[in-house]
Amino acid sequence: MNSDDMKIDKRHLRTIRTREKLLVAAREVFLENDFQTTTISQIIKRAGVGYGTAYVHFEGKDELLIVLIETVMDQFHQVAEQPFEPRTAEEAREQIEQQATAFLQLAEQERELLRIVEQAIGVSYAIRTKWKQIRERFIERISRDIRYAQATGLARSDLNPTLVARGWFFANEMYLFEVIREETTATIDEIAKTLTAVYTTGLYPHD
């Protein structure tokens, strides 16, 4: 490696470290305060970087929160992207219930940051737009699973898969926010089981 390559590698490493400092600081400050009262100045001060350097990486607190959201939602997408190839309606029900349970368990684990996200959705166009993109990605994945079930004769073919997927996602989203607000007295297992029973009973015909 020549000296120019070494300089590029060092700059790249500094860039990564600076971004990571800002993201760690942003998470800390968001959780200590809330979205509206947090300022980019507080985050920059906590990160210990210069203002000019900080703005090279992030335009403001909205962009910082978007990156934090993407990191958290990667875990949710891993659940949603699991292969879905059930051979029977019962296998479909079991897998759907497992996914619903994992989805709500992640919400519980990431409760603190998701509370900030919910606040931000109400006041930030950028965060609201990002959440809509996340929502549509989930809905498209669910639609794909429904189309597979319909094609294999497991699910009712007379229902619009996108409409069914939207209904299923919004039901889960509602409980996700109830879990993070700690507004529900039901257990996650109970919620997932009930949601899945209602969903699959309507979607999968009885023999």
N, C-alpha and C. Protein backbone atom coordinates (compact mmCIF):
# COMPACT_ATOMS: atom_id res chain seq x y z
N MET A 1 0.85 -1.20 0.00
CA MET A 1 0.00 0.00 0.00
C MET A 1 0.88 1.24 0.00
N ASN A 2 0.64 2.16 -0.95
CA ASN A 2 1.47 3.37 -1.00
C ASN A 2 0.95 4.42 -0.03
N SER A 3 1.67 5.52 0.08
CA SER A 3 1.32 6.55 1.07
C SER A 3 -0.03 7.19 0.78
N ASP A 4 -0.37 7.35 -0.51
CA ASP A 4 -1.67 7.94 -0.86
C ASP A 4 -2.81 7.03 -0.40
N ASP A 5 -2.64 5.73 -0.61
CA ASP A 5 -3.67 4.77 -0.18
C ASP A 5 -3.82 4.79 1.33
N MET A 6 -2.70 4.91 2.04
CA MET A 6 -2.74 4.95 3.50
C MET A 6 -3.49 6.19 3.98
N LYS A 7 -3.27 7.31 3.30
CA LYS A 7 -3.96 8.55 3.67
C LYS A 7 -5.46 8.41 3.46
N ILE A 8 -5.85 7.77 2.34
CA ILE A 8 -7.28 7.57 2.05
C ILE A 8 -7.90 6.67 3.11
N ASP A 9 -7.19 5.60 3.48
CA ASP A 9 -7.70 4.67 4.49
C ASP A 9 -7.88 5.36 5.84
N LYS A 10 -6.93 6.20 6.20
CA LYS A 10 -7.02 6.92 7.47
C LYS A 10 -8.17 7.91 7.47
N ARG A 11 -8.37 8.59 6.36
CA ARG A 11 -9.48 9.53 6.24
C ARG A 11 -10.81 8.79 6.34
N HIS A 12 -10.86 7.64 5.67
CA HIS A 12 -12.08 6.83 5.70
C HIS A 12 -12.38 6.36 7.12
N LEU A 13 -11.33 5.96 7.83
CA LEU A 13 -11.50 5.49 9.21
C LEU A 13 -11.97 6.64 10.10
N ARG A 14 -11.41 7.83 9.91
CA ARG A 14 -11.83 9.00 10.69
C ARG A 14 -13.29 9.33 10.40
N THR A 15 -13.68 9.22 9.14
CA THR A 15 -15.07 9.49 8.76
C THR A 15 -16.02 8.53 9.47
N ILE A 16 -15.69 7.25 9.45
CA ILE A 16 -16.52 6.24 10.11
C ILE A 16 -16.62 6.53 11.61
N ARG A 17 -15.49 6.84 12.22
CA ARG A 17 -15.47 7.11 13.68
C ARG A 17 -16.29 8.35 14.02
N THR A 18 -16.18 9.38 13.20
CA THR A 18 -16.93 10.61 13.45
C THR A 18 -18.43 10.35 13.35
N ARG A 19 -18.84 9.64 12.30
CA ARG A 19 -20.26 9.30 12.15
C ARG A 19 -20.75 8.50 13.36
N GLU A 20 -19.94 7.54 13.79
CA GLU A 20 -20.34 6.69 14.92
C GLU A 20 -20.46 7.52 16.20
N LYS A 21 -19.54 8.44 16.41
CA LYS A 21 -19.60 9.33 17.59
C LYS A 21 -20.91 10.13 17.59
N LEU A 22 -21.25 10.67 16.43
CA LEU A 22 -22.46 11.47 16.31
C LEU A 22 -23.72 10.63 16.54
N LEU A 23 -23.72 9.42 16.01
CA LEU A 23 -24.89 8.55 16.19
C LEU A 23 -25.05 8.10 17.64
N VAL A 24 -23.94 7.76 18.27
CA VAL A 24 -24.00 7.37 19.69
C VAL A 24 -24.48 8.54 20.54
N ALA A 25 -23.93 9.72 20.26
CA ALA A 25 -24.33 10.92 21.00
C ALA A 25 -25.80 11.24 20.76
N ALA A 26 -26.24 11.11 19.52
CA ALA A 26 -27.64 11.41 19.19
C ALA A 26 -28.58 10.49 19.96
N ARG A 27 -28.27 9.21 19.97
CA ARG A 27 -29.12 8.26 20.70
C ARG A 27 -29.19 8.64 22.18
N GLU A 28 -28.04 8.94 22.77
CA GLU A 28 -28.00 9.30 24.19
C GLU A 28 -28.84 10.54 24.48
N VAL A 29 -28.65 11.57 23.65
CA VAL A 29 -29.35 12.84 23.91
C VAL A 29 -30.85 12.69 23.65
N PHE A 30 -31.23 11.99 22.59
CA PHE A 30 -32.65 11.76 22.33
C PHE A 30 -33.31 11.06 23.52
N LEU A 31 -32.64 10.04 24.05
CA LEU A 31 -33.24 9.26 25.14
C LEU A 31 -33.27 10.04 26.45
N GLU A 32 -32.33 10.94 26.63
CA GLU A 32 -32.31 11.77 27.84
C GLU A 32 -33.39 12.85 27.79
N ASN A 33 -33.68 13.33 26.61
CA ASN A 33 -34.67 14.40 26.44
C ASN A 33 -35.89 13.83 25.71
N ASP A 34 -36.18 14.36 24.55
CA ASP A 34 -37.15 13.79 23.63
C ASP A 34 -36.82 14.40 22.27
N PHE A 35 -37.61 14.09 21.25
CA PHE A 35 -37.24 14.57 19.92
C PHE A 35 -37.31 16.08 19.81
N GLN A 36 -38.38 16.67 20.31
CA GLN A 36 -38.59 18.11 20.11
C GLN A 36 -37.59 18.97 20.87
N THR A 37 -37.23 18.56 22.08
CA THR A 37 -36.32 19.40 22.87
C THR A 37 -34.84 19.14 22.57
N THR A 38 -34.56 18.04 21.90
CA THR A 38 -33.17 17.76 21.51
C THR A 38 -32.75 18.71 20.40
N THR A 39 -31.53 19.23 20.49
CA THR A 39 -31.00 20.09 19.44
C THR A 39 -29.75 19.46 18.85
N ILE A 40 -29.44 19.84 17.63
CA ILE A 40 -28.24 19.33 16.99
C ILE A 40 -27.00 19.82 17.74
N SER A 41 -27.09 20.99 18.35
CA SER A 41 -25.96 21.52 19.11
C SER A 41 -25.64 20.62 20.31
N GLN A 42 -26.68 20.14 21.00
CA GLN A 42 -26.46 19.23 22.12
C GLN A 42 -25.77 17.95 21.67
N ILE A 43 -26.20 17.45 20.52
CA ILE A 43 -25.62 16.21 19.99
C ILE A 43 -24.16 16.42 19.62
N ILE A 44 -23.86 17.51 18.93
CA ILE A 44 -22.49 17.79 18.51
C ILE A 44 -21.58 17.96 19.72
N LYS A 45 -22.07 18.67 20.73
CA LYS A 45 -21.28 18.86 21.95
C LYS A 45 -21.02 17.52 22.63
N ARG A 46 -22.03 16.67 22.72
CA ARG A 46 -21.86 15.36 23.34
C ARG A 46 -20.86 14.50 22.57
N ALA A 47 -20.91 14.61 21.24
CA ALA A 47 -20.01 13.80 20.40
C ALA A 47 -18.57 14.31 20.46
N GLY A 48 -18.40 15.57 20.80
CA GLY A 48 -17.06 16.13 20.88
C GLY A 48 -16.42 16.35 19.52
N VAL A 49 -17.24 16.73 18.55
CA VAL A 49 -16.69 17.03 17.22
C VAL A 49 -17.03 18.48 16.86
N GLY A 50 -16.35 18.99 15.85
CA GLY A 50 -16.59 20.37 15.44
C GLY A 50 -17.90 20.50 14.66
N TYR A 51 -18.47 21.69 14.70
CA TYR A 51 -19.74 21.92 14.00
C TYR A 51 -19.58 21.68 12.50
N GLY A 52 -18.51 22.20 11.93
CA GLY A 52 -18.29 22.02 10.50
C GLY A 52 -18.18 20.55 10.13
N THR A 53 -17.46 19.81 10.96
CA THR A 53 -17.29 18.36 10.72
C THR A 53 -18.63 17.64 10.83
N ALA A 54 -19.41 17.99 11.84
CA ALA A 54 -20.70 17.34 12.06
C ALA A 54 -21.63 17.54 10.87
N TYR A 55 -21.66 18.74 10.36
CA TYR A 55 -22.59 19.04 9.26
C TYR A 55 -22.15 18.44 7.93
N VAL A 56 -20.91 18.00 7.85
CA VAL A 56 -20.46 17.27 6.67
C VAL A 56 -21.18 15.91 6.61
N HIS A 57 -21.45 15.35 7.80
CA HIS A 57 -22.03 14.01 7.89
C HIS A 57 -23.56 14.00 7.99
N PHE A 58 -24.10 14.96 8.71
CA PHE A 58 -25.55 14.99 8.93
C PHE A 58 -26.06 16.42 8.87
N GLU A 59 -27.20 16.60 8.20
CA GLU A 59 -27.76 17.94 8.06
C GLU A 59 -28.44 18.42 9.33
N GLY A 60 -28.88 17.51 10.17
CA GLY A 60 -29.56 17.90 11.40
C GLY A 60 -30.01 16.69 12.18
N LYS A 61 -30.78 16.94 13.23
CA LYS A 61 -31.20 15.85 14.11
C LYS A 61 -32.15 14.88 13.42
N ASP A 62 -32.94 15.36 12.45
CA ASP A 62 -33.85 14.47 11.72
C ASP A 62 -33.07 13.39 10.99
N GLU A 63 -32.00 13.79 10.33
CA GLU A 63 -31.21 12.83 9.57
C GLU A 63 -30.53 11.83 10.50
N LEU A 64 -30.07 12.30 11.65
CA LEU A 64 -29.47 11.41 12.64
C LEU A 64 -30.47 10.37 13.12
N LEU A 65 -31.69 10.82 13.40
CA LEU A 65 -32.70 9.89 13.87
C LEU A 65 -33.08 8.90 12.77
N ILE A 66 -33.11 9.33 11.53
CA ILE A 66 -33.42 8.43 10.42
C ILE A 66 -32.41 7.28 10.36
N VAL A 67 -31.13 7.59 10.53
CA VAL A 67 -30.11 6.54 10.51
C VAL A 67 -30.29 5.59 11.69
N LEU A 68 -30.61 6.15 12.85
CA LEU A 68 -30.87 5.31 14.02
C LEU A 68 -32.09 4.41 13.79
N ILE A 69 -33.13 4.96 13.16
CA ILE A 69 -34.32 4.18 12.84
C ILE A 69 -33.96 3.03 11.91
N GLU A 70 -33.16 3.32 10.88
CA GLU A 70 -32.78 2.28 9.92
C GLU A 70 -32.04 1.14 10.59
N THR A 71 -31.18 1.49 11.55
CA THR A 71 -30.43 0.46 12.27
C THR A 71 -31.36 -0.44 13.07
N VAL A 72 -32.32 0.17 13.77
CA VAL A 72 -33.28 -0.60 14.56
C VAL A 72 -34.19 -1.42 13.65
N MET A 73 -34.68 -0.81 12.58
CA MET A 73 -35.63 -1.49 11.73
C MET A 73 -35.01 -2.63 10.93
N ASP A 74 -33.70 -2.65 10.81
CA ASP A 74 -33.04 -3.78 10.16
C ASP A 74 -33.39 -5.08 10.89
N GLN A 75 -33.50 -5.00 12.22
CA GLN A 75 -33.87 -6.18 13.00
C GLN A 75 -35.30 -6.63 12.67
N PHE A 76 -36.19 -5.67 12.52
CA PHE A 76 -37.58 -5.98 12.18
C PHE A 76 -37.68 -6.58 10.77
N HIS A 77 -36.87 -6.04 9.86
CA HIS A 77 -36.91 -6.54 8.48
C HIS A 77 -36.36 -7.97 8.41
N GLN A 78 -35.42 -8.30 9.27
CA GLN A 78 -34.90 -9.67 9.30
C GLN A 78 -36.01 -10.65 9.65
N VAL A 79 -36.91 -10.24 10.53
CA VAL A 79 -38.06 -11.08 10.87
C VAL A 79 -38.99 -11.20 9.67
N ALA A 80 -39.29 -10.06 9.05
CA ALA A 80 -40.23 -10.04 7.93
C ALA A 80 -39.71 -10.78 6.71
N GLU A 81 -38.39 -10.79 6.53
CA GLU A 81 -37.80 -11.38 5.33
C GLU A 81 -37.53 -12.87 5.46
N GLN A 82 -37.92 -13.48 6.56
CA GLN A 82 -37.74 -14.93 6.69
C GLN A 82 -38.53 -15.65 5.59
N PRO A 83 -37.96 -16.72 5.04
CA PRO A 83 -38.66 -17.47 3.98
C PRO A 83 -40.06 -17.91 4.44
N PHE A 84 -41.02 -17.75 3.55
CA PHE A 84 -42.41 -18.13 3.87
C PHE A 84 -42.89 -19.10 2.80
N GLU A 85 -42.80 -20.39 3.09
CA GLU A 85 -43.21 -21.41 2.13
C GLU A 85 -43.96 -22.54 2.86
N PRO A 86 -45.06 -22.18 3.56
CA PRO A 86 -45.80 -23.20 4.30
C PRO A 86 -46.45 -24.21 3.36
N ARG A 87 -46.56 -25.44 3.86
CA ARG A 87 -47.21 -26.49 3.06
C ARG A 87 -48.68 -26.66 3.46
N THR A 88 -49.02 -26.17 4.64
CA THR A 88 -50.40 -26.26 5.11
C THR A 88 -50.80 -24.93 5.74
N ALA A 89 -52.10 -24.74 5.91
CA ALA A 89 -52.61 -23.53 6.55
C ALA A 89 -52.12 -23.45 8.00
N GLU A 90 -51.98 -24.60 8.66
CA GLU A 90 -51.51 -24.61 10.04
C GLU A 90 -50.05 -24.17 10.12
N GLU A 91 -49.24 -24.63 9.16
CA GLU A 91 -47.85 -24.16 9.12
C GLU A 91 -47.79 -22.65 8.91
N ALA A 92 -48.65 -22.14 8.04
CA ALA A 92 -48.71 -20.69 7.78
C ALA A 92 -49.07 -19.96 9.07
N ARG A 93 -50.08 -20.46 9.77
CA ARG A 93 -50.52 -19.82 11.02
C ARG A 93 -49.39 -19.80 12.04
N GLU A 94 -48.68 -20.92 12.18
CA GLU A 94 -47.60 -21.00 13.16
C GLU A 94 -46.48 -20.01 12.83
N GLN A 95 -46.12 -19.93 11.56
CA GLN A 95 -45.04 -19.01 11.18
C GLN A 95 -45.47 -17.56 11.35
N ILE A 96 -46.70 -17.26 10.98
CA ILE A 96 -47.21 -15.89 11.11
C ILE A 96 -47.24 -15.48 12.58
N GLU A 97 -47.66 -16.40 13.45
CA GLU A 97 -47.69 -16.09 14.89
C GLU A 97 -46.28 -15.88 15.43
N GLN A 98 -45.33 -16.69 14.96
CA GLN A 98 -43.94 -16.52 15.39
C GLN A 98 -43.40 -15.16 14.97
N GLN A 99 -43.73 -14.75 13.74
CA GLN A 99 -43.27 -13.44 13.25
C GLN A 99 -43.92 -12.30 14.03
N ALA A 100 -45.21 -12.42 14.29
CA ALA A 100 -45.91 -11.38 15.05
C ALA A 100 -45.33 -11.26 16.46
N THR A 101 -45.01 -12.39 17.07
CA THR A 101 -44.41 -12.39 18.40
C THR A 101 -43.04 -11.72 18.37
N ALA A 102 -42.21 -12.11 17.41
CA ALA A 102 -40.86 -11.54 17.30
C ALA A 102 -40.93 -10.04 17.04
N PHE A 103 -41.88 -9.60 16.23
CA PHE A 103 -42.07 -8.18 15.90
C PHE A 103 -42.36 -7.37 17.17
N LEU A 104 -43.26 -7.89 18.01
CA LEU A 104 -43.63 -7.18 19.23
C LEU A 104 -42.53 -7.27 20.29
N GLN A 105 -41.80 -8.39 20.31
CA GLN A 105 -40.68 -8.51 21.24
C GLN A 105 -39.59 -7.49 20.92
N LEU A 106 -39.34 -7.29 19.63
CA LEU A 106 -38.37 -6.27 19.22
C LEU A 106 -38.84 -4.88 19.62
N ALA A 107 -40.14 -4.64 19.48
CA ALA A 107 -40.70 -3.34 19.89
C ALA A 107 -40.44 -3.11 21.37
N GLU A 108 -40.60 -4.15 22.16
CA GLU A 108 -40.36 -4.04 23.60
C GLU A 108 -38.89 -3.78 23.89
N GLN A 109 -38.01 -4.48 23.18
CA GLN A 109 -36.57 -4.31 23.37
C GLN A 109 -36.10 -2.91 22.98
N GLU A 110 -36.69 -2.37 21.93
CA GLU A 110 -36.29 -1.05 21.41
C GLU A 110 -37.26 0.04 21.83
N ARG A 111 -37.97 -0.20 22.92
CA ARG A 111 -39.05 0.70 23.35
C ARG A 111 -38.58 2.15 23.47
N GLU A 112 -37.44 2.39 24.07
CA GLU A 112 -37.01 3.77 24.34
C GLU A 112 -36.81 4.57 23.06
N LEU A 113 -36.10 3.98 22.10
CA LEU A 113 -35.86 4.72 20.86
C LEU A 113 -37.14 4.85 20.05
N LEU A 114 -37.97 3.81 20.04
CA LEU A 114 -39.21 3.87 19.27
C LEU A 114 -40.19 4.90 19.84
N ARG A 115 -40.10 5.18 21.12
CA ARG A 115 -40.89 6.27 21.70
C ARG A 115 -40.48 7.60 21.06
N ILE A 116 -39.19 7.78 20.87
CA ILE A 116 -38.69 9.01 20.22
C ILE A 116 -39.19 9.06 18.77
N VAL A 117 -39.16 7.91 18.12
CA VAL A 117 -39.63 7.84 16.73
C VAL A 117 -41.10 8.24 16.64
N GLU A 118 -41.91 7.74 17.55
CA GLU A 118 -43.34 8.09 17.52
C GLU A 118 -43.54 9.58 17.72
N GLN A 119 -42.78 10.19 18.63
CA GLN A 119 -42.86 11.64 18.83
C GLN A 119 -42.49 12.36 17.53
N ALA A 120 -41.41 11.89 16.90
CA ALA A 120 -40.90 12.56 15.71
C ALA A 120 -41.85 12.44 14.53
N ILE A 121 -42.54 11.31 14.42
CA ILE A 121 -43.50 11.13 13.33
C ILE A 121 -44.55 12.23 13.35
N GLY A 122 -44.91 12.67 14.55
CA GLY A 122 -45.95 13.68 14.69
C GLY A 122 -45.51 15.10 14.35
N VAL A 123 -44.19 15.34 14.35
CA VAL A 123 -43.73 16.73 14.17
C VAL A 123 -42.73 16.91 13.03
N SER A 124 -42.18 15.82 12.50
CA SER A 124 -41.15 15.94 11.47
C SER A 124 -41.61 15.30 10.17
N TYR A 125 -41.65 16.10 9.11
CA TYR A 125 -42.04 15.58 7.80
C TYR A 125 -41.05 14.51 7.35
N ALA A 126 -39.76 14.73 7.59
CA ALA A 126 -38.73 13.78 7.15
C ALA A 126 -38.90 12.43 7.84
N ILE A 127 -39.17 12.45 9.15
CA ILE A 127 -39.35 11.20 9.89
C ILE A 127 -40.65 10.52 9.48
N ARG A 128 -41.69 11.31 9.29
CA ARG A 128 -42.98 10.76 8.87
C ARG A 128 -42.84 10.08 7.50
N THR A 129 -42.11 10.73 6.60
CA THR A 129 -41.87 10.15 5.28
C THR A 129 -41.07 8.86 5.37
N LYS A 130 -40.06 8.86 6.23
CA LYS A 130 -39.24 7.66 6.42
C LYS A 130 -40.09 6.51 6.97
N TRP A 131 -40.96 6.81 7.93
CA TRP A 131 -41.80 5.76 8.50
C TRP A 131 -42.76 5.19 7.45
N LYS A 132 -43.27 6.04 6.58
CA LYS A 132 -44.15 5.57 5.51
C LYS A 132 -43.39 4.62 4.58
N GLN A 133 -42.14 4.93 4.29
CA GLN A 133 -41.32 4.06 3.45
C GLN A 133 -41.10 2.71 4.12
N ILE A 134 -40.84 2.73 5.42
CA ILE A 134 -40.66 1.50 6.19
C ILE A 134 -41.94 0.67 6.15
N ARG A 135 -43.05 1.34 6.37
CA ARG A 135 -44.37 0.69 6.38
C ARG A 135 -44.64 0.01 5.03
N GLU A 136 -44.36 0.71 3.93
CA GLU A 136 -44.64 0.16 2.61
C GLU A 136 -43.75 -1.04 2.29
N ARG A 137 -42.54 -1.01 2.81
CA ARG A 137 -41.65 -2.17 2.60
C ARG A 137 -42.22 -3.40 3.30
N PHE A 138 -42.71 -3.24 4.52
CA PHE A 138 -43.33 -4.36 5.23
C PHE A 138 -44.57 -4.85 4.49
N ILE A 139 -45.39 -3.92 4.05
CA ILE A 139 -46.64 -4.29 3.38
C ILE A 139 -46.36 -5.06 2.10
N GLU A 140 -45.35 -4.64 1.35
CA GLU A 140 -45.00 -5.35 0.12
C GLU A 140 -44.53 -6.77 0.42
N ARG A 141 -43.76 -6.93 1.50
CA ARG A 141 -43.29 -8.27 1.87
C ARG A 141 -44.46 -9.16 2.28
N ILE A 142 -45.36 -8.62 3.07
CA ILE A 142 -46.54 -9.38 3.50
C ILE A 142 -47.38 -9.76 2.28
N SER A 143 -47.55 -8.81 1.36
CA SER A 143 -48.33 -9.07 0.14
C SER A 143 -47.73 -10.23 -0.65
N ARG A 144 -46.41 -10.27 -0.70
CA ARG A 144 -45.73 -11.34 -1.42
C ARG A 144 -46.03 -12.70 -0.79
N ASP A 145 -46.00 -12.74 0.55
CA ASP A 145 -46.31 -13.99 1.26
C ASP A 145 -47.75 -14.42 1.01
N ILE A 146 -48.65 -13.45 0.99
CA ILE A 146 -50.07 -13.78 0.74
C ILE A 146 -50.25 -14.31 -0.67
N ARG A 147 -49.59 -13.67 -1.63
CA ARG A 147 -49.69 -14.14 -3.01
C ARG A 147 -49.17 -15.57 -3.15
N TYR A 148 -48.11 -15.88 -2.41
CA TYR A 148 -47.59 -17.25 -2.43
C TYR A 148 -48.64 -18.22 -1.89
N ALA A 149 -49.24 -17.86 -0.76
CA ALA A 149 -50.26 -18.72 -0.15
C ALA A 149 -51.47 -18.88 -1.06
N GLN A 150 -51.83 -17.81 -1.75
CA GLN A 150 -52.95 -17.90 -2.70
C GLN A 150 -52.60 -18.79 -3.89
N ALA A 151 -51.38 -18.66 -4.39
CA ALA A 151 -50.94 -19.45 -5.55
C ALA A 151 -50.87 -20.93 -5.24
N THR A 152 -50.59 -21.26 -3.98
CA THR A 152 -50.48 -22.68 -3.59
C THR A 152 -51.80 -23.23 -3.08
N GLY A 153 -52.85 -22.42 -3.13
CA GLY A 153 -54.17 -22.89 -2.74
C GLY A 153 -54.43 -22.91 -1.25
N LEU A 154 -53.53 -22.32 -0.46
CA LEU A 154 -53.71 -22.30 0.99
C LEU A 154 -54.62 -21.16 1.44
N ALA A 155 -54.52 -20.04 0.75
CA ALA A 155 -55.26 -18.85 1.16
C ALA A 155 -56.37 -18.53 0.17
N ARG A 156 -57.35 -17.82 0.64
CA ARG A 156 -58.47 -17.41 -0.22
C ARG A 156 -57.95 -16.57 -1.38
N SER A 157 -58.38 -16.93 -2.57
CA SER A 157 -57.91 -16.22 -3.76
C SER A 157 -58.79 -15.03 -4.13
N ASP A 158 -59.93 -14.87 -3.42
CA ASP A 158 -60.86 -13.79 -3.75
C ASP A 158 -60.52 -12.49 -3.04
N LEU A 159 -59.45 -12.49 -2.23
CA LEU A 159 -59.08 -11.28 -1.48
C LEU A 159 -57.88 -10.61 -2.12
N ASN A 160 -57.90 -9.28 -2.09
CA ASN A 160 -56.79 -8.49 -2.63
C ASN A 160 -55.60 -8.59 -1.66
N PRO A 161 -54.47 -9.16 -2.09
CA PRO A 161 -53.35 -9.38 -1.17
C PRO A 161 -52.78 -8.10 -0.57
N THR A 162 -52.79 -7.02 -1.34
CA THR A 162 -52.25 -5.75 -0.81
C THR A 162 -53.15 -5.19 0.28
N LEU A 163 -54.47 -5.27 0.07
CA LEU A 163 -55.39 -4.77 1.09
C LEU A 163 -55.31 -5.60 2.36
N VAL A 164 -55.21 -6.91 2.19
CA VAL A 164 -55.07 -7.80 3.36
C VAL A 164 -53.76 -7.47 4.10
N ALA A 165 -52.69 -7.29 3.33
CA ALA A 165 -51.38 -6.99 3.92
C ALA A 165 -51.41 -5.68 4.70
N ARG A 166 -52.08 -4.67 4.15
CA ARG A 166 -52.15 -3.38 4.84
C ARG A 166 -52.92 -3.53 6.15
N GLY A 167 -54.01 -4.28 6.11
CA GLY A 167 -54.78 -4.48 7.33
C GLY A 167 -53.96 -5.20 8.40
N TRP A 168 -53.22 -6.23 7.97
CA TRP A 168 -52.40 -6.99 8.91
C TRP A 168 -51.28 -6.13 9.49
N PHE A 169 -50.62 -5.35 8.63
CA PHE A 169 -49.54 -4.51 9.12
C PHE A 169 -50.05 -3.45 10.10
N PHE A 170 -51.15 -2.79 9.75
CA PHE A 170 -51.65 -1.71 10.62
C PHE A 170 -52.11 -2.24 11.97
N ALA A 171 -52.64 -3.45 12.00
CA ALA A 171 -53.02 -4.05 13.28
C ALA A 171 -51.78 -4.26 14.14
N ASN A 172 -50.72 -4.77 13.53
CA ASN A 172 -49.47 -4.98 14.25
C ASN A 172 -48.83 -3.65 14.67
N GLU A 173 -48.91 -2.66 13.79
CA GLU A 173 -48.32 -1.35 14.09
C GLU A 173 -49.04 -0.72 15.29
N MET A 174 -50.35 -0.86 15.35
CA MET A 174 -51.11 -0.30 16.46
C MET A 174 -50.63 -0.90 17.78
N TYR A 175 -50.47 -2.22 17.80
CA TYR A 175 -50.02 -2.87 19.03
C TYR A 175 -48.55 -2.57 19.31
N LEU A 176 -47.76 -2.39 18.27
CA LEU A 176 -46.36 -2.01 18.47
C LEU A 176 -46.28 -0.73 19.29
N PHE A 177 -47.07 0.28 18.91
CA PHE A 177 -47.02 1.55 19.63
C PHE A 177 -47.65 1.44 21.02
N GLU A 178 -48.63 0.56 21.17
CA GLU A 178 -49.19 0.34 22.51
C GLU A 178 -48.15 -0.31 23.42
N VAL A 179 -47.37 -1.23 22.86
CA VAL A 179 -46.31 -1.89 23.63
C VAL A 179 -45.25 -0.88 24.05
N ILE A 180 -44.83 -0.02 23.13
CA ILE A 180 -43.76 0.92 23.49
C ILE A 180 -44.25 1.99 24.46
N ARG A 181 -45.56 2.28 24.43
CA ARG A 181 -46.12 3.24 25.40
C ARG A 181 -46.49 2.55 26.72
N GLU A 182 -46.39 1.24 26.73
CA GLU A 182 -46.77 0.42 27.89
C GLU A 182 -48.25 0.65 28.26
N GLU A 183 -49.07 0.67 27.22
CA GLU A 183 -50.50 0.93 27.41
C GLU A 183 -51.33 -0.35 27.45
N THR A 184 -50.73 -1.48 27.13
CA THR A 184 -51.50 -2.72 27.10
C THR A 184 -51.18 -3.58 28.32
N THR A 185 -52.20 -4.23 28.84
CA THR A 185 -52.00 -5.15 29.98
C THR A 185 -51.84 -6.58 29.50
N ALA A 186 -52.11 -6.83 28.21
CA ALA A 186 -51.96 -8.17 27.66
C ALA A 186 -50.48 -8.47 27.42
N THR A 187 -50.13 -9.76 27.45
CA THR A 187 -48.75 -10.15 27.15
C THR A 187 -48.53 -10.13 25.65
N ILE A 188 -47.27 -10.08 25.25
CA ILE A 188 -46.94 -10.10 23.83
C ILE A 188 -47.43 -11.40 23.19
N ASP A 189 -47.25 -12.51 23.88
CA ASP A 189 -47.71 -13.79 23.35
C ASP A 189 -49.22 -13.79 23.12
N GLU A 190 -49.94 -13.21 24.06
CA GLU A 190 -51.40 -13.15 23.94
C GLU A 190 -51.83 -12.28 22.77
N ILE A 191 -51.17 -11.13 22.63
CA ILE A 191 -51.49 -10.23 21.52
C ILE A 191 -51.21 -10.91 20.18
N ALA A 192 -50.02 -11.52 20.06
CA ALA A 192 -49.64 -12.17 18.81
C ALA A 192 -50.59 -13.32 18.47
N LYS A 193 -50.94 -14.11 19.47
CA LYS A 193 -51.84 -15.24 19.23
C LYS A 193 -53.21 -14.77 18.77
N THR A 194 -53.72 -13.74 19.42
CA THR A 194 -55.06 -13.22 19.08
C THR A 194 -55.06 -12.59 17.69
N LEU A 195 -54.08 -11.74 17.42
CA LEU A 195 -53.99 -11.11 16.10
C LEU A 195 -53.90 -12.15 14.99
N THR A 196 -53.05 -13.15 15.22
CA THR A 196 -52.85 -14.18 14.21
C THR A 196 -54.13 -14.99 13.98
N ALA A 197 -54.83 -15.31 15.05
CA ALA A 197 -56.06 -16.09 14.93
C ALA A 197 -57.09 -15.34 14.10
N VAL A 198 -57.25 -14.05 14.37
CA VAL A 198 -58.23 -13.24 13.63
C VAL A 198 -57.82 -13.14 12.16
N TYR A 199 -56.56 -12.88 11.93
CA TYR A 199 -56.03 -12.71 10.58
C TYR A 199 -56.14 -13.99 9.76
N THR A 200 -55.65 -15.08 10.30
CA THR A 200 -55.61 -16.32 9.51
C THR A 200 -56.98 -16.97 9.37
N THR A 201 -57.84 -16.76 10.32
CA THR A 201 -59.20 -17.31 10.19
C THR A 201 -59.94 -16.67 9.03
N GLY A 202 -59.68 -15.39 8.83
CA GLY A 202 -60.33 -14.70 7.71
C GLY A 202 -59.67 -15.01 6.38
N LEU A 203 -58.37 -15.26 6.42
CA LEU A 203 -57.62 -15.45 5.18
C LEU A 203 -57.63 -16.89 4.70
N TYR A 204 -57.51 -17.83 5.64
CA TYR A 204 -57.38 -19.24 5.26
C TYR A 204 -58.69 -19.98 5.47
N PRO A 205 -59.25 -20.52 4.43
CA PRO A 205 -60.54 -21.21 4.55
C PRO A 205 -60.41 -22.52 5.33
N HIS A 206 -61.47 -22.89 6.01
CA HIS A 206 -61.49 -24.15 6.73
C HIS A 206 -61.78 -25.28 5.76
N ASP A 207 -61.26 -26.46 6.11
CA ASP A 207 -61.54 -27.64 5.27
C ASP A 207 -63.01 -28.05 5.44
